[in-house]
C-alpha atoms as a PDB file:
ATOM      1  CA  MET A   1     -21.170 -10.529  -3.584  1.00  0.00           C
ATOM      2  CA  ASP A   2     -19.206 -10.283   0.106  1.00  0.00           C
ATOM      3  CA  LEU A   3     -22.126 -10.637   3.064  1.00  0.00           C
ATOM      4  CA  VAL A   4     -20.028 -10.543   5.991  1.00  0.00           C
ATOM      5  CA  ILE A   5     -18.965  -6.752   5.053  1.00  0.00           C
ATOM      6  CA  ILE A   6     -22.338  -5.819   3.952  1.00  0.00           C
ATOM      7  CA  ILE A   7     -23.482  -7.254   7.548  1.00  0.00           C
ATOM      8  CA  GLY A   8     -20.618  -5.447   9.557  1.00  0.00           C
ATOM      9  CA  LEU A   9     -21.826  -1.882   8.156  1.00  0.00           C
ATOM     10  CA  ILE A  10     -25.367  -2.334   8.745  1.00  0.00           C
ATOM     11  CA  LEU A  11     -24.555  -3.590  12.566  1.00  0.00           C
ATOM     12  CA  ALA A  12     -22.014  -0.489  12.979  1.00  0.00           C
ATOM     13  CA  PHE A  13     -24.922   1.888  11.444  1.00  0.00           C
ATOM     14  CA  PHE A  14     -27.874   0.086  13.541  1.00  0.00           C
ATOM     15  CA  GLY A  15     -25.664   0.223  16.591  1.00  0.00           C
ATOM     16  CA  ILE A  16     -24.780   3.702  16.368  1.00  0.00           C
ATOM     17  CA  ILE A  17     -28.158   5.761  15.420  1.00  0.00           C
ATOM     18  CA  GLY A  18     -30.213   2.608  17.622  1.00  0.00           C
ATOM     19  CA  GLY A  19     -27.814   3.517  20.377  1.00  0.00           C
ATOM     20  CA  ASN A  20     -28.305   7.434  20.025  1.00  0.00           C
ATOM     21  CA  ILE A  21     -32.198   6.602  20.351  1.00  0.00           C
ATOM     22  CA  VAL A  22     -32.095   4.281  23.163  1.00  0.00           C
ATOM     23  CA  GLU A  23     -30.123   7.320  24.880  1.00  0.00           C
ATOM     24  CA  GLY A  24     -33.420   9.698  23.798  1.00  0.00           C
ATOM     25  CA  GLY A  25     -31.418  11.239  20.853  1.00  0.00           C
ATOM     26  CA  ASP A  26     -33.420  11.841  17.664  1.00  0.00           C
ATOM     27  CA  PRO A  27     -31.926  10.823  14.848  1.00  0.00           C
ATOM     28  CA  THR A  28     -33.667  13.104  12.341  1.00  0.00           C
ATOM     29  CA  PHE A  29     -31.621  16.191  14.273  1.00  0.00           C
ATOM     30  CA  LEU A  30     -28.916  13.991  12.179  1.00  0.00           C
ATOM     31  CA  LEU A  31     -29.800  15.305   8.790  1.00  0.00           C
ATOM     32  CA  ASN A  32     -28.057  18.209   8.414  1.00  0.00           C
ATOM     33  CA  PRO A  33     -27.607  19.023   4.510  1.00  0.00           C
ATOM     34  CA  PRO A  34     -24.481  21.475   5.577  1.00  0.00           C
ATOM     35  CA  GLY A  35     -22.985  18.871   7.300  1.00  0.00           C
ATOM     36  CA  ILE A  36     -23.080  16.765   4.741  1.00  0.00           C
ATOM     37  CA  MET A  37     -21.462  18.933   2.232  1.00  0.00           C
ATOM     38  CA  ILE A  38     -18.904  19.911   4.201  1.00  0.00           C
ATOM     39  CA  VAL A  39     -17.663  16.229   5.247  1.00  0.00           C
ATOM     40  CA  VAL A  40     -18.746  14.679   2.537  1.00  0.00           C
ATOM     41  CA  LEU A  41     -17.642  16.698  -0.651  1.00  0.00           C
ATOM     42  CA  GLY A  42     -14.441  18.108   1.522  1.00  0.00           C
ATOM     43  CA  THR A  43     -13.483  14.739   1.739  1.00  0.00           C
ATOM     44  CA  ILE A  44     -13.995  13.616  -1.137  1.00  0.00           C
ATOM     45  CA  GLY A  45     -12.262  16.639  -2.824  1.00  0.00           C
ATOM     46  CA  ALA A  46      -9.241  16.593  -0.542  1.00  0.00           C
ATOM     47  CA  THR A  47      -9.013  12.758  -1.676  1.00  0.00           C
ATOM     48  CA  VAL A  48      -8.929  13.237  -5.329  1.00  0.00           C
ATOM     49  CA  ALA A  49      -6.618  16.155  -5.210  1.00  0.00           C
ATOM     50  CA  SER A  50      -4.001  13.713  -3.097  1.00  0.00           C
ATOM     51  CA  GLN A  51      -4.175  10.887  -5.695  1.00  0.00           C
ATOM     52  CA  PRO A  52      -2.787  10.491  -9.430  1.00  0.00           C
ATOM     53  CA  LEU A  53      -5.403  10.389 -12.093  1.00  0.00           C
ATOM     54  CA  SER A  54      -4.430   6.770 -13.141  1.00  0.00           C
ATOM     55  CA  THR A  55      -5.213   5.546  -9.469  1.00  0.00           C
ATOM     56  CA  LEU A  56      -8.364   7.397  -9.324  1.00  0.00           C
ATOM     57  CA  ARG A  57      -9.705   5.484 -12.743  1.00  0.00           C
ATOM     58  CA  THR A  58      -8.881   2.493 -11.519  1.00  0.00           C
ATOM     59  CA  PHE A  59     -10.413   2.666  -7.761  1.00  0.00           C
ATOM     60  CA  PRO A  60     -14.180   2.374  -9.049  1.00  0.00           C
ATOM     61  CA  LYS A  61     -13.296  -0.952 -10.071  1.00  0.00           C
ATOM     62  CA  ALA A  62     -11.221  -2.010  -6.784  1.00  0.00           C
ATOM     63  CA  LEU A  63     -13.742  -0.713  -4.313  1.00  0.00           C
ATOM     64  CA  MET A  64     -15.896  -3.390  -5.987  1.00  0.00           C
ATOM     65  CA  GLN A  65     -13.775  -6.104  -4.374  1.00  0.00           C
ATOM     66  CA  ALA A  66     -14.522  -4.634  -1.353  1.00  0.00           C
ATOM     67  CA  PHE A  67     -18.250  -6.035  -1.482  1.00  0.00           C
ATOM     68  CA  THR A  68     -17.358  -9.043  -3.709  1.00  0.00           C
ATOM     69  CA  GLY A  69     -14.139 -10.136  -2.474  1.00  0.00           C
ATOM     70  CA  SER A  70     -10.739 -11.495  -4.196  1.00  0.00           C
ATOM     71  CA  ARG A  71     -11.538 -12.993  -7.575  1.00  0.00           C
ATOM     72  CA  LYS A  72     -12.837 -16.274  -7.353  1.00  0.00           C
ATOM     73  CA  HIS A  73      -9.319 -18.500  -7.492  1.00  0.00           C
ATOM     74  CA  ASP A  74      -9.526 -22.129  -6.228  1.00  0.00           C
ATOM     75  CA  SER A  75      -6.649 -22.630  -4.501  1.00  0.00           C
ATOM     76  CA  ASN A  76      -7.386 -26.629  -3.957  1.00  0.00           C
ATOM     77  CA  GLU A  77      -8.153 -26.239  -7.586  1.00  0.00           C
ATOM     78  CA  THR A  78      -5.134 -24.705  -8.312  1.00  0.00           C
ATOM     79  CA  VAL A  79      -2.442 -27.610  -6.453  1.00  0.00           C
ATOM     80  CA  GLU A  80      -4.827 -30.179  -7.860  1.00  0.00           C
ATOM     81  CA  LEU A  81      -3.509 -28.661 -11.645  1.00  0.00           C
ATOM     82  CA  LEU A  82      -0.288 -28.202 -10.691  1.00  0.00           C
ATOM     83  CA  VAL A  83       0.352 -31.293  -8.939  1.00  0.00           C
ATOM     84  CA  GLN A  84      -1.533 -33.133 -12.444  1.00  0.00           C
ATOM     85  CA  MET A  85       1.102 -30.769 -14.537  1.00  0.00           C
ATOM     86  CA  ALA A  86       4.172 -32.241 -11.786  1.00  0.00           C
ATOM     87  CA  ASP A  87       3.597 -35.503 -12.763  1.00  0.00           C
ATOM     88  CA  LYS A  88       3.013 -35.025 -16.548  1.00  0.00           C
ATOM     89  CA  SER A  89       5.954 -33.329 -16.582  1.00  0.00           C
ATOM     90  CA  ARG A  90       8.220 -35.731 -14.466  1.00  0.00           C
ATOM     91  CA  ARG A  91       6.875 -38.457 -17.007  1.00  0.00           C
ATOM     92  CA  GLU A  92       6.559 -36.867 -20.659  1.00  0.00           C
ATOM     93  CA  GLY A  93       8.800 -34.065 -20.095  1.00  0.00           C
ATOM     94  CA  LEU A  94       8.001 -29.866 -19.979  1.00  0.00           C
ATOM     95  CA  LEU A  95       7.232 -29.681 -23.573  1.00  0.00           C
ATOM     96  CA  ALA A  96       4.072 -32.516 -22.760  1.00  0.00           C
ATOM     97  CA  LEU A  97       2.836 -29.531 -21.221  1.00  0.00           C
ATOM     98  CA  GLU A  98       2.272 -26.996 -24.341  1.00  0.00           C
ATOM     99  CA  ALA A  99      -1.275 -28.418 -25.256  1.00  0.00           C
ATOM    100  CA  GLN A 100      -2.291 -27.585 -22.011  1.00  0.00           C
ATOM    101  CA  THR A 101      -1.567 -24.213 -21.525  1.00  0.00           C
ATOM    102  CA  ALA A 102      -4.426 -23.248 -23.781  1.00  0.00           C
ATOM    103  CA  GLU A 103      -6.948 -24.351 -21.705  1.00  0.00           C
ATOM    104  CA  ILE A 104      -5.651 -23.112 -18.272  1.00  0.00           C
ATOM    105  CA  GLU A 105      -8.187 -20.109 -17.473  1.00  0.00           C
ATOM    106  CA  HIS A 106      -5.814 -18.129 -14.655  1.00  0.00           C
ATOM    107  CA  PRO A 107      -3.958 -16.029 -17.114  1.00  0.00           C
ATOM    108  CA  PHE A 108      -1.016 -15.600 -14.337  1.00  0.00           C
ATOM    109  CA  LEU A 109      -0.474 -19.528 -14.329  1.00  0.00           C
ATOM    110  CA  ARG A 110      -1.195 -19.373 -18.345  1.00  0.00           C
ATOM    111  CA  LYS A 111       1.832 -16.545 -18.562  1.00  0.00           C
ATOM    112  CA  GLY A 112       4.128 -19.225 -15.954  1.00  0.00           C
ATOM    113  CA  VAL A 113       3.659 -22.205 -17.714  1.00  0.00           C
ATOM    114  CA  GLN A 114       4.294 -20.961 -21.084  1.00  0.00           C
ATOM    115  CA  LEU A 115       7.715 -19.166 -19.561  1.00  0.00           C
ATOM    116  CA  MET A 116       8.429 -22.508 -18.509  1.00  0.00           C
ATOM    117  CA  ILE A 117       8.156 -24.486 -21.331  1.00  0.00           C
ATOM    118  CA  ASP A 118       9.917 -21.930 -23.569  1.00  0.00           C
ATOM    119  CA  GLY A 119      12.831 -23.033 -21.282  1.00  0.00           C
ATOM    120  CA  THR A 120      13.406 -19.439 -19.267  1.00  0.00           C
ATOM    121  CA  ASP A 121      15.945 -20.316 -16.322  1.00  0.00           C
ATOM    122  CA  PRO A 122      14.145 -20.939 -13.278  1.00  0.00           C
ATOM    123  CA  GLU A 123      16.000 -17.812 -11.681  1.00  0.00           C
ATOM    124  CA  LEU A 124      14.948 -15.395 -14.210  1.00  0.00           C
ATOM    125  CA  LEU A 125      10.969 -17.299 -14.275  1.00  0.00           C
ATOM    126  CA  ARG A 126      11.022 -16.474 -10.653  1.00  0.00           C
ATOM    127  CA  GLU A 127      12.088 -12.704 -10.931  1.00  0.00           C
ATOM    128  CA  ILE A 128       9.501 -11.910 -14.071  1.00  0.00           C
ATOM    129  CA  MET A 129       6.536 -13.514 -11.951  1.00  0.00           C
ATOM    130  CA  GLU A 130       7.638 -11.985  -8.781  1.00  0.00           C
ATOM    131  CA  ILE A 131       7.644  -8.339 -10.542  1.00  0.00           C
ATOM    132  CA  ASP A 132       4.071  -9.074 -12.029  1.00  0.00           C
ATOM    133  CA  VAL A 133       3.167 -10.008  -8.019  1.00  0.00           C
ATOM    134  CA  ASP A 134       4.629  -6.717  -6.979  1.00  0.00           C
ATOM    135  CA  ALA A 135       3.378  -4.329  -9.692  1.00  0.00           C
ATOM    136  CA  MET A 136      -0.524  -5.789  -8.759  1.00  0.00           C
ATOM    137  CA  LYS A 137       0.826  -5.058  -4.820  1.00  0.00           C
ATOM    138  CA  HIS A 138       1.801  -1.782  -5.704  1.00  0.00           C
ATOM    139  CA  ARG A 139      -1.763  -0.954  -7.655  1.00  0.00           C
ATOM    140  CA  HIS A 140      -3.707  -2.481  -4.541  1.00  0.00           C
ATOM    141  CA  GLU A 141      -1.937  -0.076  -2.022  1.00  0.00           C
ATOM    142  CA  GLY A 142      -2.752   2.723  -4.351  1.00  0.00           C
ATOM    143  CA  HIS A 143      -6.140   1.653  -3.981  1.00  0.00           C
ATOM    144  CA  TYR A 144      -6.955   1.396  -0.147  1.00  0.00           C
ATOM    145  CA  SER A 145      -4.498   4.428   0.526  1.00  0.00           C
ATOM    146  CA  ILE A 146      -7.626   6.267  -0.945  1.00  0.00           C
ATOM    147  CA  LEU A 147      -9.541   4.710   1.601  1.00  0.00           C
ATOM    148  CA  GLU A 148      -7.188   5.415   3.952  1.00  0.00           C
ATOM    149  CA  PHE A 149      -6.636   9.124   3.516  1.00  0.00           C
ATOM    150  CA  ALA A 150     -10.265   9.534   3.201  1.00  0.00           C
ATOM    151  CA  GLY A 151     -10.379   7.946   6.689  1.00  0.00           C
ATOM    152  CA  GLY A 152      -7.937  10.176   8.220  1.00  0.00           C
ATOM    153  CA  ILE A 153      -9.146  13.652   6.803  1.00  0.00           C
ATOM    154  CA  ALA A 154     -13.093  12.881   6.856  1.00  0.00           C
ATOM    155  CA  PRO A 155     -12.864  14.051  11.050  1.00  0.00           C
ATOM    156  CA  THR A 156     -10.501  17.099  10.757  1.00  0.00           C
ATOM    157  CA  MET A 157     -13.425  17.692   7.992  1.00  0.00           C
ATOM    158  CA  GLY A 158     -16.173  17.445  10.481  1.00  0.00           C
ATOM    159  CA  VAL A 159     -14.408  19.792  13.050  1.00  0.00           C
ATOM    160  CA  LEU A 160     -14.018  22.021  10.311  1.00  0.00           C
ATOM    161  CA  GLY A 161     -17.627  22.080   9.444  1.00  0.00           C
ATOM    162  CA  ALA A 162     -18.279  22.558  13.396  1.00  0.00           C
ATOM    163  CA  VAL A 163     -16.142  25.351  13.620  1.00  0.00           C
ATOM    164  CA  LEU A 164     -17.759  26.823  10.658  1.00  0.00           C
ATOM    165  CA  GLY A 165     -21.385  26.288  12.848  1.00  0.00           C
ATOM    166  CA  LEU A 166     -19.592  27.857  16.168  1.00  0.00           C
ATOM    167  CA  ILE A 167     -19.153  30.939  13.509  1.00  0.00           C
ATOM    168  CA  THR A 168     -22.551  30.701  12.374  1.00  0.00           C
ATOM    169  CA  VAL A 169     -23.882  30.675  15.736  1.00  0.00           C
ATOM    170  CA  MET A 170     -21.776  33.577  16.810  1.00  0.00           C
ATOM    171  CA  ASN A 171     -24.313  35.831  14.888  1.00  0.00           C
ATOM    172  CA  TYR A 172     -26.952  34.695  17.222  1.00  0.00           C
ATOM    173  CA  LEU A 173     -25.640  35.655  20.709  1.00  0.00           C
ATOM    174  CA  ASP A 174     -28.427  38.133  21.018  1.00  0.00           C
ATOM    175  CA  GLN A 175     -30.838  35.329  20.959  1.00  0.00           C
ATOM    176  CA  PRO A 176     -30.348  32.720  23.535  1.00  0.00           C
ATOM    177  CA  ASP A 177     -33.229  30.420  22.808  1.00  0.00           C
ATOM    178  CA  LYS A 178     -31.203  29.767  19.587  1.00  0.00           C
ATOM    179  CA  ILE A 179     -27.432  29.054  20.721  1.00  0.00           C
ATOM    180  CA  GLY A 180     -28.003  25.859  22.220  1.00  0.00           C
ATOM    181  CA  HIS A 181     -29.765  24.822  18.759  1.00  0.00           C
ATOM    182  CA  GLY A 182     -27.367  26.303  16.841  1.00  0.00           C
ATOM    183  CA  ILE A 183     -24.165  24.380  18.642  1.00  0.00           C
ATOM    184  CA  ALA A 184     -26.255  20.799  18.616  1.00  0.00           C
ATOM    185  CA  VAL A 185     -26.205  21.285  14.864  1.00  0.00           C
ATOM    186  CA  ALA A 186     -22.747  22.448  14.388  1.00  0.00           C
ATOM    187  CA  PHE A 187     -21.150  19.098  15.774  1.00  0.00           C
ATOM    188  CA  VAL A 188     -23.495  16.790  14.036  1.00  0.00           C
ATOM    189  CA  ALA A 189     -20.664  17.832  10.847  1.00  0.00           C
ATOM    190  CA  THR A 190     -18.136  16.204  13.348  1.00  0.00           C
ATOM    191  CA  PHE A 191     -20.678  13.223  14.054  1.00  0.00           C
ATOM    192  CA  TYR A 192     -20.769  12.961  10.160  1.00  0.00           C
ATOM    193  CA  GLY A 193     -16.514  13.439  10.029  1.00  0.00           C
ATOM    194  CA  ILE A 194     -16.102  10.496  12.528  1.00  0.00           C
ATOM    195  CA  PHE A 195     -19.183   8.095  11.598  1.00  0.00           C
ATOM    196  CA  THR A 196     -17.515   8.191   7.679  1.00  0.00           C
ATOM    197  CA  ALA A 197     -13.831   7.489   8.678  1.00  0.00           C
ATOM    198  CA  ASN A 198     -14.823   4.607  11.203  1.00  0.00           C
ATOM    199  CA  VAL A 199     -17.690   3.033   9.899  1.00  0.00           C
ATOM    200  CA  ILE A 200     -16.957   3.539   5.676  1.00  0.00           C
ATOM    201  CA  PHE A 201     -13.780   4.450   4.297  1.00  0.00           C
ATOM    202  CA  LEU A 202     -11.014   3.005   7.128  1.00  0.00           C
ATOM    203  CA  PRO A 203     -12.814  -0.736   7.212  1.00  0.00           C
ATOM    204  CA  LEU A 204     -13.438  -1.035   3.488  1.00  0.00           C
ATOM    205  CA  ALA A 205      -9.870   0.347   3.312  1.00  0.00           C
ATOM    206  CA  ASN A 206      -8.426  -2.776   6.096  1.00  0.00           C
ATOM    207  CA  LYS A 207     -11.037  -4.977   3.610  1.00  0.00           C
ATOM    208  CA  LEU A 208      -8.954  -4.208   0.535  1.00  0.00           C
ATOM    209  CA  LYS A 209      -5.972  -5.024   2.422  1.00  0.00           C
ATOM    210  CA  THR A 210      -7.451  -8.071   3.242  1.00  0.00           C
ATOM    211  CA  VAL A 211      -8.253  -9.031  -0.631  1.00  0.00           C
ATOM    212  CA  SER A 212      -5.167  -7.909  -1.454  1.00  0.00           C
ATOM    213  CA  LYS A 213      -3.203 -10.684   0.629  1.00  0.00           C
ATOM    214  CA  HIS A 214      -5.490 -13.484  -0.161  1.00  0.00           C
ATOM    215  CA  GLU A 215      -4.648 -12.895  -3.815  1.00  0.00           C
ATOM    216  CA  ILE A 216      -1.057 -11.990  -3.366  1.00  0.00           C
ATOM    217  CA  GLN A 217      -1.117 -15.163  -1.527  1.00  0.00           C
ATOM    218  CA  SER A 218      -2.446 -16.982  -4.441  1.00  0.00           C
ATOM    219  CA  LEU A 219       0.178 -16.044  -6.771  1.00  0.00           C
ATOM    220  CA  MET A 220       3.119 -16.942  -4.671  1.00  0.00           C
ATOM    221  CA  LEU A 221       1.275 -20.860  -4.329  1.00  0.00           C
ATOM    222  CA  ILE A 222       1.440 -20.955  -8.478  1.00  0.00           C
ATOM    223  CA  ILE A 223       5.092 -19.402  -7.990  1.00  0.00           C
ATOM    224  CA  GLU A 224       6.272 -22.146  -5.532  1.00  0.00           C
ATOM    225  CA  GLY A 225       4.581 -24.638  -7.974  1.00  0.00           C
ATOM    226  CA  LEU A 226       5.822 -23.745 -11.188  1.00  0.00           C
ATOM    227  CA  MET A 227       9.567 -23.800  -9.432  1.00  0.00           C
ATOM    228  CA  SER A 228       8.997 -26.814  -8.039  1.00  0.00           C
ATOM    229  CA  ILE A 229       7.802 -28.312 -11.553  1.00  0.00           C
ATOM    230  CA  GLN A 230      10.960 -26.657 -13.229  1.00  0.00           C
ATOM    231  CA  ALA A 231      13.021 -28.185 -10.788  1.00  0.00           C
ATOM    232  CA  GLY A 232      10.933 -32.319 -11.268  1.00  0.00           C
ATOM    233  CA  ASP A 233      10.099 -32.378  -7.830  1.00  0.00           C
ATOM    234  CA  ASN A 234       7.788 -35.846  -6.333  1.00  0.00           C
ATOM    235  CA  PRO A 235       3.822 -34.923  -7.114  1.00  0.00           C
ATOM    236  CA  ARG A 236       3.795 -35.912  -3.904  1.00  0.00           C
ATOM    237  CA  ILE A 237       6.092 -33.253  -2.112  1.00  0.00           C
ATOM    238  CA  VAL A 238       4.629 -30.563  -4.928  1.00  0.00           C
ATOM    239  CA  ARG A 239       1.195 -31.128  -3.054  1.00  0.00           C
ATOM    240  CA  GLU A 240       2.743 -30.773   0.425  1.00  0.00           C
ATOM    241  CA  LYS A 241       4.640 -27.989  -0.103  1.00  0.00           C
ATOM    242  CA  LEU A 242       1.841 -26.115  -2.040  1.00  0.00           C
ATOM    243  CA  GLU A 243      -1.011 -27.235   0.155  1.00  0.00           C
ATOM    244  CA  GLY A 244       1.084 -25.341   2.962  1.00  0.00           C
ATOM    245  CA  PHE A 245      -0.133 -21.609   1.491  1.00  0.00           C
ATOM    246  CA  ILE A 246      -3.882 -23.258   2.413  1.00  0.00           C
ATOM    247  CA  GLU A 247      -5.436 -22.948   5.462  1.00  0.00           C
ATOM    248  CA  PRO A 248      -5.625 -26.456   7.360  1.00  0.00           C
ATOM    249  CA  ALA A 249      -9.623 -26.687   7.396  1.00  0.00           C
ATOM    250  CA  GLY A 250      -9.715 -25.464   3.594  1.00  0.00           C
ATOM    251  CA  ARG A 251      -7.280 -28.145   1.908  1.00  0.00           C
ATOM    252  CA  ASN A 252      -8.777 -31.031  -0.186  1.00  0.00           C
ATOM    253  CA  SER A 253      -6.169 -33.579   1.320  1.00  0.00           C
ATOM    254  CA  LYS A 254      -5.623 -33.940   5.158  1.00  0.00           C
ATOM    255  CA  SER A 255      -2.652 -34.568   7.227  1.00  0.00           C
ATOM    256  CA  ASP A 256      -2.662 -37.560   9.689  1.00  0.00           C
ATOM    257  CA  ASP A 257      -2.800 -35.138  12.638  1.00  0.00           C
ATOM    258  CA  ASP A 258      -5.383 -33.319  10.653  1.00  0.00           C
ATOM    259  CA  LEU A 259      -7.890 -36.236  10.573  1.00  0.00           C
ATOM    260  CA  GLN A 260      -6.883 -37.201  14.072  1.00  0.00           C
ATOM    261  CA  GLU A 261      -8.247 -34.128  15.699  1.00  0.00           C
ATOM    262  CA  ALA A 262     -11.094 -34.430  13.371  1.00  0.00           C
ATOM    263  CA  ALA A 263     -12.180 -37.714  14.841  1.00  0.00           C
END
């Protein structure tokens, strides 16, 4: 579980509701079932209508990644594995990696190693692997675009709820004591729209974007590693190249500059 997003959502919720209380507002006044129905159900309905069924089917599983983070692929472990394979292939040849293929847990890396062992041309190997990356990127874009659409439409649904509320208030023009309360209730729908868009939908969309970028980065690391192994690069060069994909603070090995800064 990614605690950062949980903490962020809790802070946003209590910051807004707490600020309202400090200002003298009554938080129970925000409990408006009709407003919730108009904004939440209206936003969900419009969003579902705007998306293909194939994307909607996989969306719940993708949404969970906003809370769990990217799939746990340790980049340092991947680098170590690729460096080890580079060393073995230089000493014994690419075919020596075949016995190790079945032990590779990462399906993308396992596929690439198998293609490499099968003698796939380097340019074709890169093309095949990058097609997989582009396909994954396309799927991810479909998932976070759902949340972006919901974030864009929710405030409009809130305004719609306010308009409907004001129409209802017009029926009480002959009862001035009810007008103020009716207008306040009407604008609660606007609050729901702005709140859900900026505290829930858009932050989750941005989180999914970040998760997607991390996964794509890890796959590009693998592709570059495979290209280096196939080219017969020195294992030290392979390590230096691949560690460029990892933030300096997260690398297993440190450069001279990093060690001096740490000292």
